[in-house]
Amino acid sequence: MFLADVASNVLASRIPQKIAMNRGKEKLILSKKYSPEDLKYFVYPPPILSLMELYDLALDPEEQQNIADERPQLANHIVQKINEIYEAAQKKKTRKLKIDEELRKQLKALGYIR
């Protein structure tokens, strides 16, 4: 299983967020719609995106045949798995890390902190 989340507007591209998940031979891609604000940046209308795409990579490795409408139960099952992963990630508690002076100097030298 593989999950990828491409944030919206990466490098000011005005492209909406995409989430993709491979599960064995199936791949599901979820796309958010272009916002009215994003559409203002295009000279010509961008291509219309399917909000949900499902591909059988064994039969269609080039992802040309969207089978989401033909296999809605499978698509919904993968969406449920994606939601479970995001819910689990949100439930994790984080704490502030204490770093020693040596690590602070190294991070500063690398430009990670000021």
N, C-alpha and C. Protein backbone atom coordinates (compact mmCIF):
# COMPACT_ATOMS: atom_id res chain seq x y z
N MET A 1 0.84 -1.17 0.00
CA MET A 1 0.00 0.00 0.00
C MET A 1 0.89 1.24 0.00
N PHE A 2 0.51 2.23 -0.79
CA PHE A 2 1.28 3.46 -0.92
C PHE A 2 0.31 4.63 -0.96
N LEU A 3 0.58 5.68 -0.19
CA LEU A 3 -0.27 6.87 -0.16
C LEU A 3 0.57 8.09 -0.47
N ALA A 4 0.08 8.94 -1.37
CA ALA A 4 0.76 10.19 -1.70
C ALA A 4 -0.25 11.32 -1.62
N ASP A 5 0.17 12.42 -1.03
CA ASP A 5 -0.68 13.60 -0.88
C ASP A 5 0.08 14.77 -1.47
N VAL A 6 -0.42 15.31 -2.57
CA VAL A 6 0.21 16.47 -3.20
C VAL A 6 -0.61 17.69 -2.80
N ALA A 7 -0.01 18.57 -2.03
CA ALA A 7 -0.71 19.74 -1.54
C ALA A 7 -1.14 20.63 -2.69
N SER A 8 -2.14 21.43 -2.43
CA SER A 8 -2.60 22.36 -3.46
C SER A 8 -1.62 23.51 -3.60
N ASN A 9 -1.61 24.09 -4.78
CA ASN A 9 -0.82 25.29 -5.08
C ASN A 9 0.67 25.13 -4.83
N VAL A 10 1.21 23.95 -5.11
CA VAL A 10 2.64 23.72 -4.95
C VAL A 10 3.39 24.63 -5.91
N LEU A 11 4.36 25.34 -5.40
CA LEU A 11 5.18 26.28 -6.19
C LEU A 11 4.30 27.27 -6.96
N ALA A 12 3.22 27.70 -6.34
CA ALA A 12 2.30 28.69 -6.92
C ALA A 12 1.72 28.22 -8.26
N SER A 13 1.50 26.92 -8.39
CA SER A 13 0.99 26.36 -9.65
C SER A 13 -0.51 26.51 -9.81
N ARG A 14 -1.22 26.81 -8.71
CA ARG A 14 -2.67 26.94 -8.69
C ARG A 14 -3.38 25.63 -9.02
N ILE A 15 -2.69 24.51 -8.87
CA ILE A 15 -3.26 23.19 -9.11
C ILE A 15 -3.83 22.68 -7.79
N PRO A 16 -5.08 22.17 -7.79
CA PRO A 16 -5.68 21.71 -6.54
C PRO A 16 -5.01 20.45 -5.99
N GLN A 17 -5.28 20.19 -4.72
CA GLN A 17 -4.72 19.03 -4.03
C GLN A 17 -5.13 17.73 -4.70
N LYS A 18 -4.20 16.77 -4.70
CA LYS A 18 -4.46 15.42 -5.19
C LYS A 18 -3.98 14.44 -4.13
N ILE A 19 -4.74 13.39 -3.94
CA ILE A 19 -4.35 12.30 -3.05
C ILE A 19 -4.43 11.03 -3.87
N ALA A 20 -3.39 10.22 -3.82
CA ALA A 20 -3.37 8.97 -4.57
C ALA A 20 -3.00 7.83 -3.63
N MET A 21 -3.61 6.68 -3.85
CA MET A 21 -3.28 5.51 -3.06
C MET A 21 -3.26 4.28 -3.96
N ASN A 22 -2.14 3.55 -3.89
CA ASN A 22 -2.04 2.27 -4.56
C ASN A 22 -2.34 1.19 -3.54
N ARG A 23 -3.12 0.23 -3.96
CA ARG A 23 -3.41 -0.92 -3.11
C ARG A 23 -3.31 -2.14 -4.01
N GLY A 24 -2.15 -2.76 -3.99
CA GLY A 24 -1.93 -3.88 -4.90
C GLY A 24 -1.94 -3.39 -6.33
N LYS A 25 -2.82 -3.93 -7.14
CA LYS A 25 -2.87 -3.54 -8.55
C LYS A 25 -3.81 -2.37 -8.81
N GLU A 26 -4.53 -1.92 -7.78
CA GLU A 26 -5.45 -0.80 -7.96
C GLU A 26 -4.83 0.51 -7.50
N LYS A 27 -5.19 1.58 -8.20
CA LYS A 27 -4.73 2.92 -7.82
C LYS A 27 -5.93 3.85 -7.85
N LEU A 28 -6.11 4.58 -6.76
CA LEU A 28 -7.19 5.54 -6.65
C LEU A 28 -6.58 6.94 -6.56
N ILE A 29 -7.14 7.88 -7.30
CA ILE A 29 -6.69 9.27 -7.26
C ILE A 29 -7.91 10.14 -6.94
N LEU A 30 -7.79 10.96 -5.90
CA LEU A 30 -8.82 11.92 -5.53
C LEU A 30 -8.30 13.31 -5.86
N SER A 31 -9.10 14.12 -6.53
CA SER A 31 -8.69 15.48 -6.89
C SER A 31 -9.71 16.47 -6.35
N LYS A 32 -9.23 17.56 -5.78
CA LYS A 32 -10.13 18.63 -5.38
C LYS A 32 -10.41 19.49 -6.60
N LYS A 33 -11.52 20.21 -6.56
CA LYS A 33 -11.88 21.10 -7.67
C LYS A 33 -11.01 22.35 -7.65
N TYR A 34 -10.89 22.97 -8.81
CA TYR A 34 -10.24 24.28 -8.89
C TYR A 34 -11.15 25.29 -8.19
N SER A 35 -10.56 26.14 -7.38
CA SER A 35 -11.36 27.19 -6.73
C SER A 35 -11.53 28.33 -7.73
N PRO A 36 -12.56 29.16 -7.54
CA PRO A 36 -12.71 30.32 -8.43
C PRO A 36 -11.46 31.22 -8.42
N GLU A 37 -10.81 31.31 -7.26
CA GLU A 37 -9.59 32.11 -7.15
C GLU A 37 -8.48 31.52 -8.03
N ASP A 38 -8.33 30.18 -8.00
CA ASP A 38 -7.31 29.52 -8.82
C ASP A 38 -7.58 29.71 -10.31
N LEU A 39 -8.85 29.65 -10.71
CA LEU A 39 -9.20 29.75 -12.13
C LEU A 39 -8.83 31.10 -12.72
N LYS A 40 -8.73 32.13 -11.90
CA LYS A 40 -8.36 33.46 -12.39
C LYS A 40 -6.94 33.49 -12.96
N TYR A 41 -6.10 32.53 -12.58
CA TYR A 41 -4.70 32.52 -13.00
C TYR A 41 -4.47 31.83 -14.35
N PHE A 42 -5.50 31.24 -14.91
CA PHE A 42 -5.35 30.51 -16.17
C PHE A 42 -5.84 31.37 -17.33
N VAL A 43 -5.04 31.45 -18.38
CA VAL A 43 -5.45 32.17 -19.59
C VAL A 43 -6.56 31.38 -20.27
N TYR A 44 -6.39 30.06 -20.36
CA TYR A 44 -7.39 29.17 -20.92
C TYR A 44 -7.88 28.26 -19.80
N PRO A 45 -9.10 27.82 -19.85
CA PRO A 45 -9.59 26.95 -18.77
C PRO A 45 -8.73 25.69 -18.66
N PRO A 46 -8.39 25.29 -17.44
CA PRO A 46 -7.61 24.06 -17.27
C PRO A 46 -8.47 22.85 -17.60
N PRO A 47 -7.85 21.70 -17.82
CA PRO A 47 -8.64 20.51 -18.13
C PRO A 47 -9.56 20.17 -16.96
N ILE A 48 -10.72 19.64 -17.29
CA ILE A 48 -11.67 19.23 -16.25
C ILE A 48 -11.16 17.93 -15.64
N LEU A 49 -11.01 17.93 -14.32
CA LEU A 49 -10.50 16.76 -13.62
C LEU A 49 -11.65 15.91 -13.07
N SER A 50 -11.49 14.61 -13.15
CA SER A 50 -12.41 13.74 -12.44
C SER A 50 -12.08 13.86 -10.97
N LEU A 51 -13.10 13.94 -10.13
CA LEU A 51 -12.84 14.05 -8.70
C LEU A 51 -12.34 12.73 -8.13
N MET A 52 -12.71 11.62 -8.77
CA MET A 52 -12.25 10.31 -8.32
C MET A 52 -11.89 9.47 -9.55
N GLU A 53 -10.69 8.93 -9.52
CA GLU A 53 -10.23 8.06 -10.60
C GLU A 53 -9.76 6.75 -9.99
N LEU A 54 -10.09 5.65 -10.63
CA LEU A 54 -9.66 4.33 -10.18
C LEU A 54 -9.12 3.58 -11.40
N TYR A 55 -7.93 3.01 -11.22
CA TYR A 55 -7.30 2.29 -12.32
C TYR A 55 -6.87 0.91 -11.86
N ASP A 56 -6.98 -0.06 -12.75
CA ASP A 56 -6.43 -1.40 -12.53
C ASP A 56 -5.08 -1.39 -13.24
N LEU A 57 -4.01 -1.25 -12.46
CA LEU A 57 -2.69 -1.09 -13.04
C LEU A 57 -2.19 -2.33 -13.76
N ALA A 58 -2.71 -3.49 -13.42
CA ALA A 58 -2.31 -4.71 -14.11
C ALA A 58 -2.84 -4.72 -15.54
N LEU A 59 -4.06 -4.25 -15.72
CA LEU A 59 -4.69 -4.22 -17.05
C LEU A 59 -4.47 -2.89 -17.78
N ASP A 60 -4.21 -1.83 -17.01
CA ASP A 60 -4.12 -0.49 -17.57
C ASP A 60 -2.96 0.29 -16.92
N PRO A 61 -1.72 -0.12 -17.18
CA PRO A 61 -0.57 0.52 -16.51
C PRO A 61 -0.39 2.00 -16.87
N GLU A 62 -0.95 2.43 -17.96
CA GLU A 62 -0.82 3.84 -18.35
C GLU A 62 -1.97 4.70 -17.83
N GLU A 63 -2.85 4.12 -17.05
CA GLU A 63 -3.95 4.83 -16.40
C GLU A 63 -4.81 5.61 -17.41
N GLN A 64 -5.29 4.91 -18.40
CA GLN A 64 -6.12 5.52 -19.43
C GLN A 64 -7.61 5.26 -19.22
N GLN A 65 -7.95 4.18 -18.51
CA GLN A 65 -9.35 3.75 -18.37
C GLN A 65 -9.79 3.89 -16.92
N ASN A 66 -10.49 4.97 -16.61
CA ASN A 66 -11.00 5.20 -15.26
C ASN A 66 -12.17 4.25 -15.00
N ILE A 67 -12.02 3.37 -14.00
CA ILE A 67 -13.07 2.38 -13.72
C ILE A 67 -13.80 2.68 -12.40
N ALA A 68 -13.72 3.91 -11.92
CA ALA A 68 -14.37 4.28 -10.65
C ALA A 68 -15.88 4.06 -10.71
N ASP A 69 -16.51 4.38 -11.83
CA ASP A 69 -17.96 4.19 -11.94
C ASP A 69 -18.34 2.72 -12.04
N GLU A 70 -17.44 1.91 -12.59
CA GLU A 70 -17.71 0.47 -12.74
C GLU A 70 -17.48 -0.30 -11.44
N ARG A 71 -16.60 0.22 -10.57
CA ARG A 71 -16.24 -0.48 -9.33
C ARG A 71 -16.38 0.45 -8.12
N PRO A 72 -17.60 0.98 -7.88
CA PRO A 72 -17.77 1.95 -6.80
C PRO A 72 -17.47 1.39 -5.41
N GLN A 73 -17.74 0.11 -5.18
CA GLN A 73 -17.46 -0.46 -3.86
C GLN A 73 -15.96 -0.47 -3.58
N LEU A 74 -15.16 -0.84 -4.57
CA LEU A 74 -13.72 -0.86 -4.41
C LEU A 74 -13.20 0.57 -4.19
N ALA A 75 -13.70 1.52 -4.98
CA ALA A 75 -13.27 2.91 -4.83
C ALA A 75 -13.61 3.42 -3.43
N ASN A 76 -14.81 3.14 -2.96
CA ASN A 76 -15.22 3.59 -1.63
C ASN A 76 -14.40 2.91 -0.53
N HIS A 77 -14.04 1.65 -0.73
CA HIS A 77 -13.21 0.94 0.24
C HIS A 77 -11.83 1.61 0.36
N ILE A 78 -11.24 1.99 -0.77
CA ILE A 78 -9.93 2.64 -0.74
C ILE A 78 -10.04 4.04 -0.12
N VAL A 79 -11.12 4.76 -0.42
CA VAL A 79 -11.34 6.07 0.20
C VAL A 79 -11.44 5.91 1.72
N GLN A 80 -12.12 4.87 2.16
CA GLN A 80 -12.24 4.61 3.60
C GLN A 80 -10.86 4.37 4.22
N LYS A 81 -10.00 3.62 3.53
CA LYS A 81 -8.63 3.38 4.01
C LYS A 81 -7.85 4.70 4.11
N ILE A 82 -8.00 5.55 3.10
CA ILE A 82 -7.33 6.85 3.13
C ILE A 82 -7.79 7.65 4.35
N ASN A 83 -9.10 7.68 4.57
CA ASN A 83 -9.64 8.40 5.72
C ASN A 83 -9.09 7.85 7.03
N GLU A 84 -8.97 6.52 7.14
CA GLU A 84 -8.43 5.91 8.35
C GLU A 84 -6.98 6.33 8.58
N ILE A 85 -6.20 6.40 7.51
CA ILE A 85 -4.79 6.82 7.64
C ILE A 85 -4.71 8.27 8.13
N TYR A 86 -5.53 9.15 7.55
CA TYR A 86 -5.51 10.55 7.97
C TYR A 86 -6.00 10.70 9.41
N GLU A 87 -7.03 9.96 9.79
CA GLU A 87 -7.53 10.03 11.17
C GLU A 87 -6.47 9.55 12.15
N ALA A 88 -5.78 8.48 11.83
CA ALA A 88 -4.72 7.96 12.71
C ALA A 88 -3.59 8.98 12.84
N ALA A 89 -3.26 9.65 11.74
CA ALA A 89 -2.18 10.64 11.77
C ALA A 89 -2.57 11.84 12.62
N GLN A 90 -3.82 12.23 12.59
CA GLN A 90 -4.27 13.38 13.37
C GLN A 90 -4.33 13.07 14.86
N LYS A 91 -4.54 11.82 15.21
CA LYS A 91 -4.66 11.44 16.62
C LYS A 91 -3.32 11.38 17.33
N LYS A 92 -2.22 11.32 16.59
CA LYS A 92 -0.91 11.23 17.22
C LYS A 92 -0.61 12.51 17.97
N LYS A 93 -0.15 12.35 19.17
CA LYS A 93 0.22 13.51 19.98
C LYS A 93 1.65 13.89 19.65
N THR A 94 1.88 15.16 19.58
CA THR A 94 3.23 15.64 19.33
C THR A 94 3.71 16.39 20.56
N ARG A 95 4.99 16.47 20.69
CA ARG A 95 5.58 17.23 21.79
C ARG A 95 6.77 18.00 21.25
N LYS A 96 7.08 19.05 21.92
CA LYS A 96 8.20 19.88 21.48
C LYS A 96 9.51 19.15 21.81
N LEU A 97 10.36 19.07 20.84
CA LEU A 97 11.63 18.38 20.99
C LEU A 97 12.66 19.33 21.58
N LYS A 98 13.38 18.85 22.56
CA LYS A 98 14.47 19.63 23.13
C LYS A 98 15.75 19.22 22.42
N ILE A 99 16.46 20.20 21.92
CA ILE A 99 17.71 19.90 21.21
C ILE A 99 18.88 20.53 21.97
N ASP A 100 19.99 19.84 21.91
CA ASP A 100 21.17 20.37 22.60
C ASP A 100 21.86 21.43 21.73
N GLU A 101 22.80 22.11 22.29
CA GLU A 101 23.47 23.21 21.61
C GLU A 101 24.20 22.77 20.35
N GLU A 102 24.81 21.59 20.38
CA GLU A 102 25.55 21.08 19.21
C GLU A 102 24.60 20.87 18.03
N LEU A 103 23.46 20.23 18.28
CA LEU A 103 22.48 20.01 17.22
C LEU A 103 21.92 21.34 16.73
N ARG A 104 21.68 22.28 17.63
CA ARG A 104 21.19 23.59 17.24
C ARG A 104 22.17 24.27 16.28
N LYS A 105 23.48 24.17 16.56
CA LYS A 105 24.50 24.76 15.70
C LYS A 105 24.49 24.10 14.32
N GLN A 106 24.36 22.77 14.29
CA GLN A 106 24.34 22.05 13.02
C GLN A 106 23.12 22.45 12.19
N LEU A 107 21.97 22.52 12.83
CA LEU A 107 20.75 22.90 12.11
C LEU A 107 20.83 24.34 11.59
N LYS A 108 21.43 25.20 12.39
CA LYS A 108 21.60 26.58 11.98
C LYS A 108 22.55 26.68 10.78
N ALA A 109 23.65 25.91 10.83
CA ALA A 109 24.61 25.92 9.72
C ALA A 109 23.98 25.41 8.43
N LEU A 110 23.04 24.50 8.55
CA LEU A 110 22.35 23.97 7.37
C LEU A 110 21.21 24.86 6.91
N GLY A 111 20.90 25.89 7.69
CA GLY A 111 19.84 26.81 7.29
C GLY A 111 18.44 26.39 7.72
N TYR A 112 18.33 25.37 8.56
CA TYR A 112 17.01 24.90 9.00
C TYR A 112 16.42 25.80 10.08
N ILE A 113 17.25 26.43 10.87
CA ILE A 113 16.77 27.35 11.90
C ILE A 113 17.60 28.62 11.84
N ARG A 114 17.08 29.67 12.44
CA ARG A 114 17.79 30.96 12.44
C ARG A 114 18.42 31.23 13.77
